[in-house]
Amino acid sequence: MRTVNIHEAKTHLSRLLARMSAGAEVVIAKAGKPLARLIPIRRAPRPRRLGVLAGRLTVPAGFDAPLPGDALDAFEGRG
């Protein structure tokens, strides 16, 4: 993370933005005290496609059956 003063940030804004687009962060300081941190904007994740794994997974027949008593007690902290 690079620290620059306000004058340098104004003078070299294009260079700082180029560094940020490569993933770098920049701190802007006044009289050596940090005032702001410039960080690159993370791109939003692509929307998920439903059905990508259709036909590739199987769910066991008893998947949603109640848990045995001892397993349920362990989950609830009684065992």
C-alpha atoms as a PDB file:
ATOM      1  CA  MET A   1       0.000   0.000   0.000  1.00  0.00           C
ATOM      2  CA  ARG A   2       1.507   3.278  -1.119  1.00  0.00           C
ATOM      3  CA  THR A   3       1.039   6.550   0.792  1.00  0.00           C
ATOM      4  CA  VAL A   4       0.979   9.843  -1.115  1.00  0.00           C
ATOM      5  CA  ASN A   5       0.327  13.413  -0.045  1.00  0.00           C
ATOM      6  CA  ILE A   6      -2.632  15.405  -1.348  1.00  0.00           C
ATOM      7  CA  HIS A   7      -0.572  17.413  -3.852  1.00  0.00           C
ATOM      8  CA  GLU A   8       0.958  14.256  -5.346  1.00  0.00           C
ATOM      9  CA  ALA A   9      -2.464  12.593  -5.517  1.00  0.00           C
ATOM     10  CA  LYS A  10      -3.903  15.532  -7.450  1.00  0.00           C
ATOM     11  CA  THR A  11      -0.880  15.744  -9.728  1.00  0.00           C
ATOM     12  CA  HIS A  12      -0.637  12.030 -10.501  1.00  0.00           C
ATOM     13  CA  LEU A  13      -4.252  10.905 -10.241  1.00  0.00           C
ATOM     14  CA  SER A  14      -4.137   9.029 -13.559  1.00  0.00           C
ATOM     15  CA  ARG A  15      -1.071   7.047 -12.466  1.00  0.00           C
ATOM     16  CA  LEU A  16      -2.636   6.222  -9.116  1.00  0.00           C
ATOM     17  CA  LEU A  17      -5.814   5.030 -10.807  1.00  0.00           C
ATOM     18  CA  ALA A  18      -3.766   2.820 -13.144  1.00  0.00           C
ATOM     19  CA  ARG A  19      -2.086   1.227 -10.119  1.00  0.00           C
ATOM     20  CA  MET A  20      -5.451   0.728  -8.460  1.00  0.00           C
ATOM     21  CA  SER A  21      -6.865  -0.973 -11.542  1.00  0.00           C
ATOM     22  CA  ALA A  22      -4.024  -3.484 -11.110  1.00  0.00           C
ATOM     23  CA  GLY A  23      -5.226  -4.139  -7.544  1.00  0.00           C
ATOM     24  CA  ALA A  24      -3.056  -1.748  -5.514  1.00  0.00           C
ATOM     25  CA  GLU A  25      -4.373   0.390  -2.676  1.00  0.00           C
ATOM     26  CA  VAL A  26      -3.309   4.011  -2.117  1.00  0.00           C
ATOM     27  CA  VAL A  27      -3.460   6.066   1.074  1.00  0.00           C
ATOM     28  CA  ILE A  28      -3.764   9.848   0.747  1.00  0.00           C
ATOM     29  CA  ALA A  29      -2.197  11.769   3.606  1.00  0.00           C
ATOM     30  CA  LYS A  30      -2.037  15.381   4.770  1.00  0.00           C
ATOM     31  CA  ALA A  31       1.088  16.353   6.693  1.00  0.00           C
ATOM     32  CA  GLY A  32       1.933  12.666   6.996  1.00  0.00           C
ATOM     33  CA  LYS A  33      -1.409  11.725   8.591  1.00  0.00           C
ATOM     34  CA  PRO A  34      -3.607   9.344   6.573  1.00  0.00           C
ATOM     35  CA  LEU A  35      -6.900  10.889   5.465  1.00  0.00           C
ATOM     36  CA  ALA A  36      -8.317   8.469   2.936  1.00  0.00           C
ATOM     37  CA  ARG A  37      -7.686   5.091   1.395  1.00  0.00           C
ATOM     38  CA  LEU A  38      -8.367   4.501  -2.283  1.00  0.00           C
ATOM     39  CA  ILE A  39      -9.154   0.907  -3.128  1.00  0.00           C
ATOM     40  CA  PRO A  40     -10.152  -0.701  -6.417  1.00  0.00           C
ATOM     41  CA  ILE A  41     -13.816  -1.503  -6.898  1.00  0.00           C
ATOM     42  CA  ARG A  42     -14.361  -5.226  -6.925  1.00  0.00           C
ATOM     43  CA  ARG A  43     -16.406  -6.411  -9.840  1.00  0.00           C
ATOM     44  CA  ALA A  44     -19.767  -7.846  -8.936  1.00  0.00           C
ATOM     45  CA  PRO A  45     -19.907 -11.613  -9.158  1.00  0.00           C
ATOM     46  CA  ARG A  46     -21.669 -13.029 -12.180  1.00  0.00           C
ATOM     47  CA  PRO A  47     -25.213 -14.211 -11.532  1.00  0.00           C
ATOM     48  CA  ARG A  48     -25.467 -17.886 -10.721  1.00  0.00           C
ATOM     49  CA  ARG A  49     -26.903 -20.212 -13.303  1.00  0.00           C
ATOM     50  CA  LEU A  50     -29.487 -22.614 -11.965  1.00  0.00           C
ATOM     51  CA  GLY A  51     -29.301 -26.245 -12.987  1.00  0.00           C
ATOM     52  CA  VAL A  52     -25.568 -26.398 -13.708  1.00  0.00           C
ATOM     53  CA  LEU A  53     -25.263 -29.704 -11.823  1.00  0.00           C
ATOM     54  CA  ALA A  54     -28.605 -31.151 -12.908  1.00  0.00           C
ATOM     55  CA  GLY A  55     -28.338 -34.926 -13.251  1.00  0.00           C
ATOM     56  CA  ARG A  56     -24.882 -35.061 -11.626  1.00  0.00           C
ATOM     57  CA  LEU A  57     -25.958 -35.294  -7.979  1.00  0.00           C
ATOM     58  CA  THR A  58     -28.289 -37.629  -6.158  1.00  0.00           C
ATOM     59  CA  VAL A  59     -29.936 -37.128  -2.782  1.00  0.00           C
ATOM     60  CA  PRO A  60     -30.255 -40.248  -0.603  1.00  0.00           C
ATOM     61  CA  ALA A  61     -33.798 -41.415   0.119  1.00  0.00           C
ATOM     62  CA  GLY A  62     -33.588 -40.718   3.872  1.00  0.00           C
ATOM     63  CA  PHE A  63     -31.919 -37.326   3.527  1.00  0.00           C
ATOM     64  CA  ASP A  64     -34.702 -35.413   5.283  1.00  0.00           C
ATOM     65  CA  ALA A  65     -35.581 -38.111   7.819  1.00  0.00           C
ATOM     66  CA  PRO A  66     -35.430 -37.108  11.508  1.00  0.00           C
ATOM     67  CA  LEU A  67     -32.046 -37.557  13.187  1.00  0.00           C
ATOM     68  CA  PRO A  68     -31.543 -40.408  15.648  1.00  0.00           C
ATOM     69  CA  GLY A  69     -31.925 -39.304  19.274  1.00  0.00           C
ATOM     70  CA  ASP A  70     -28.216 -39.459  20.138  1.00  0.00           C
ATOM     71  CA  ALA A  71     -27.233 -37.355  17.083  1.00  0.00           C
ATOM     72  CA  LEU A  72     -29.965 -34.805  17.854  1.00  0.00           C
ATOM     73  CA  ASP A  73     -28.782 -34.593  21.480  1.00  0.00           C
ATOM     74  CA  ALA A  74     -25.203 -33.970  20.303  1.00  0.00           C
ATOM     75  CA  PHE A  75     -26.336 -31.136  18.000  1.00  0.00           C
ATOM     76  CA  GLU A  76     -28.330 -29.549  20.798  1.00  0.00           C
ATOM     77  CA  GLY A  77     -25.505 -29.848  23.334  1.00  0.00           C
ATOM     78  CA  ARG A  78     -27.113 -32.495  25.517  1.00  0.00           C
ATOM     79  CA  GLY A  79     -24.712 -35.300  24.845  1.00  0.00           C
END
